Amino acid sequence: MIIALLMSLVYVGILLGIVGGVIWFQIVLSKKDSKWPGLILPLISLLLSLSVTLSIAAYYSVSSEQTTNQDGIVTKVGEVTSTMLTDLLPMIVVSSFPTLFLLVIYIVIRNKKKHHQMVERMAIHDL
């Protein structure tokens, strides 16, 4: 029991270290002069969330036969069912959280940098 608790603490520590490292790396990339390095991690996160969503959509492959549900409605080949949409929508939202979080970090850092540059220009102009 104690070993399981220690292993869980180690896993949580590793996970927190990885998350902290990603956040630190996003801050470092966002502070670069060019705007593109700060968009690398959000782009990677977006691609991963899309791959998760598409893999779930592929799981709902439609069979080549027509099926009839309890209400007598026939589902045809290639038809998107409401069950698929109700399962995919929460997955899209949840898998997009890291992308949105990284974009918020990027926008906040870039706005602070712009503000700091404007203050410096005004100070130079005042001289």
Protein backbone atom coordinates (compact mmCIF):
# COMPACT_ATOMS: atom_id res chain seq x y z
CA MET A 1 0.00 0.00 0.00
CA ILE A 2 2.80 2.42 0.87
CA ILE A 3 4.68 1.47 -2.28
CA ALA A 4 1.59 2.23 -4.38
CA LEU A 5 1.25 5.60 -2.67
CA LEU A 6 4.90 6.43 -3.29
CA MET A 7 4.62 5.40 -6.94
CA SER A 8 1.52 7.57 -7.32
CA LEU A 9 3.38 10.53 -5.82
CA VAL A 10 6.29 9.93 -8.18
CA TYR A 11 3.92 9.85 -11.17
CA VAL A 12 2.18 13.03 -10.05
CA GLY A 13 5.57 14.70 -9.56
CA ILE A 14 6.68 13.67 -13.05
CA LEU A 15 3.41 14.89 -14.55
CA LEU A 16 3.67 18.24 -12.75
CA GLY A 17 7.27 18.56 -13.92
CA ILE A 18 6.27 17.95 -17.53
CA VAL A 19 3.37 20.43 -17.34
CA GLY A 20 5.60 23.02 -15.65
CA GLY A 21 8.29 22.49 -18.28
CA VAL A 22 5.81 22.97 -21.12
CA ILE A 23 4.48 26.18 -19.54
CA TRP A 24 8.03 27.49 -18.98
CA PHE A 25 9.00 26.61 -22.56
CA GLN A 26 5.88 28.37 -23.89
CA ILE A 27 6.79 31.50 -21.91
CA VAL A 28 10.36 31.42 -23.24
CA LEU A 29 9.18 30.95 -26.84
CA SER A 30 6.57 33.70 -26.49
CA LYS A 31 9.22 36.19 -25.34
CA LYS A 32 11.23 35.79 -28.55
CA ASP A 33 11.35 38.77 -30.93
CA SER A 34 9.66 36.84 -33.72
CA LYS A 35 6.03 35.93 -33.14
CA TRP A 36 6.29 32.47 -34.73
CA PRO A 37 8.25 30.54 -32.06
CA GLY A 38 5.49 31.22 -29.52
CA LEU A 39 2.95 29.59 -31.80
CA ILE A 40 4.81 26.27 -32.10
CA LEU A 41 3.44 24.61 -28.94
CA PRO A 42 -0.18 25.73 -29.52
CA LEU A 43 0.06 24.37 -33.07
CA ILE A 44 1.39 21.03 -31.82
CA SER A 45 -1.37 20.92 -29.21
CA LEU A 46 -3.99 21.70 -31.86
CA LEU A 47 -2.70 18.91 -34.09
CA LEU A 48 -2.79 16.46 -31.17
CA SER A 49 -6.35 17.45 -30.27
CA LEU A 50 -7.41 17.05 -33.89
CA SER A 51 -5.81 13.62 -34.02
CA VAL A 52 -7.72 12.59 -30.89
CA THR A 53 -10.96 13.85 -32.36
CA LEU A 54 -10.37 12.19 -35.72
CA SER A 55 -9.42 8.91 -34.07
CA ILE A 56 -12.70 8.90 -32.17
CA ALA A 57 -14.55 9.75 -35.38
CA ALA A 58 -12.80 6.82 -37.07
CA TYR A 59 -13.95 4.60 -34.21
CA TYR A 60 -17.50 5.36 -35.30
CA SER A 61 -16.95 3.85 -38.70
CA VAL A 62 -20.26 3.29 -40.38
CA SER A 63 -20.94 -0.26 -41.44
CA SER A 64 -21.79 -1.10 -45.02
CA GLU A 65 -25.24 -2.28 -44.01
CA GLN A 66 -28.36 -0.34 -43.20
CA THR A 67 -29.42 -0.60 -39.60
CA THR A 68 -32.75 0.15 -37.98
CA ASN A 69 -32.91 1.57 -34.46
CA GLN A 70 -35.72 1.13 -31.91
CA ASP A 71 -37.83 3.88 -33.47
CA GLY A 72 -37.68 2.26 -36.89
CA ILE A 73 -35.34 4.89 -38.34
CA VAL A 74 -32.94 3.51 -40.92
CA THR A 75 -29.32 4.62 -40.67
CA LYS A 76 -27.70 4.67 -44.10
CA VAL A 77 -24.07 4.25 -45.08
CA GLY A 78 -22.09 7.44 -44.48
CA GLU A 79 -24.75 9.08 -42.32
CA VAL A 80 -23.47 10.88 -39.25
CA THR A 81 -25.48 9.83 -36.25
CA SER A 82 -26.43 12.12 -33.39
CA THR A 83 -24.62 9.77 -30.99
CA MET A 84 -21.39 10.41 -32.84
CA LEU A 85 -21.86 14.17 -32.63
CA THR A 86 -22.78 14.11 -28.95
CA ASP A 87 -19.67 12.05 -28.21
CA LEU A 88 -17.34 14.15 -30.37
CA LEU A 89 -18.38 17.61 -29.19
CA PRO A 90 -17.22 17.19 -25.56
CA MET A 91 -14.02 15.55 -26.79
CA ILE A 92 -13.28 18.50 -29.07
CA VAL A 93 -13.84 20.92 -26.19
CA VAL A 94 -11.75 18.96 -23.69
CA SER A 95 -8.89 18.25 -26.08
CA SER A 96 -8.75 21.95 -27.04
CA PHE A 97 -8.11 23.16 -23.47
CA PRO A 98 -4.30 22.83 -23.70
CA THR A 99 -4.31 24.71 -27.01
CA LEU A 100 -6.40 27.51 -25.55
CA PHE A 101 -4.24 27.65 -22.41
CA LEU A 102 -1.04 27.91 -24.46
CA LEU A 103 -2.59 30.58 -26.67
CA VAL A 104 -3.61 32.60 -23.61
CA ILE A 105 -0.01 32.45 -22.34
CA TYR A 106 1.21 33.55 -25.78
CA ILE A 107 -1.23 36.47 -26.02
CA VAL A 108 -0.53 37.70 -22.48
CA ILE A 109 3.25 37.58 -22.94
CA ARG A 110 3.09 39.27 -26.37
CA ASN A 111 0.81 42.03 -25.05
CA LYS A 112 3.15 42.67 -22.12
CA LYS A 113 6.08 42.81 -24.53
CA LYS A 114 4.26 45.26 -26.83
CA HIS A 115 3.34 47.45 -23.86
CA HIS A 116 6.93 47.43 -22.61
CA GLN A 117 8.21 48.38 -26.08
CA MET A 118 5.72 51.25 -26.30
CA VAL A 119 6.80 52.56 -22.90
CA GLU A 120 10.43 52.42 -24.00
CA ARG A 121 9.62 54.31 -27.23
CA MET A 122 7.77 56.98 -25.27
CA ALA A 123 10.70 57.31 -22.85
CA ILE A 124 13.11 57.71 -25.75
CA HIS A 125 10.76 60.17 -27.46
CA ASP A 126 10.47 62.24 -24.25
CA LEU A 127 14.24 62.62 -24.12
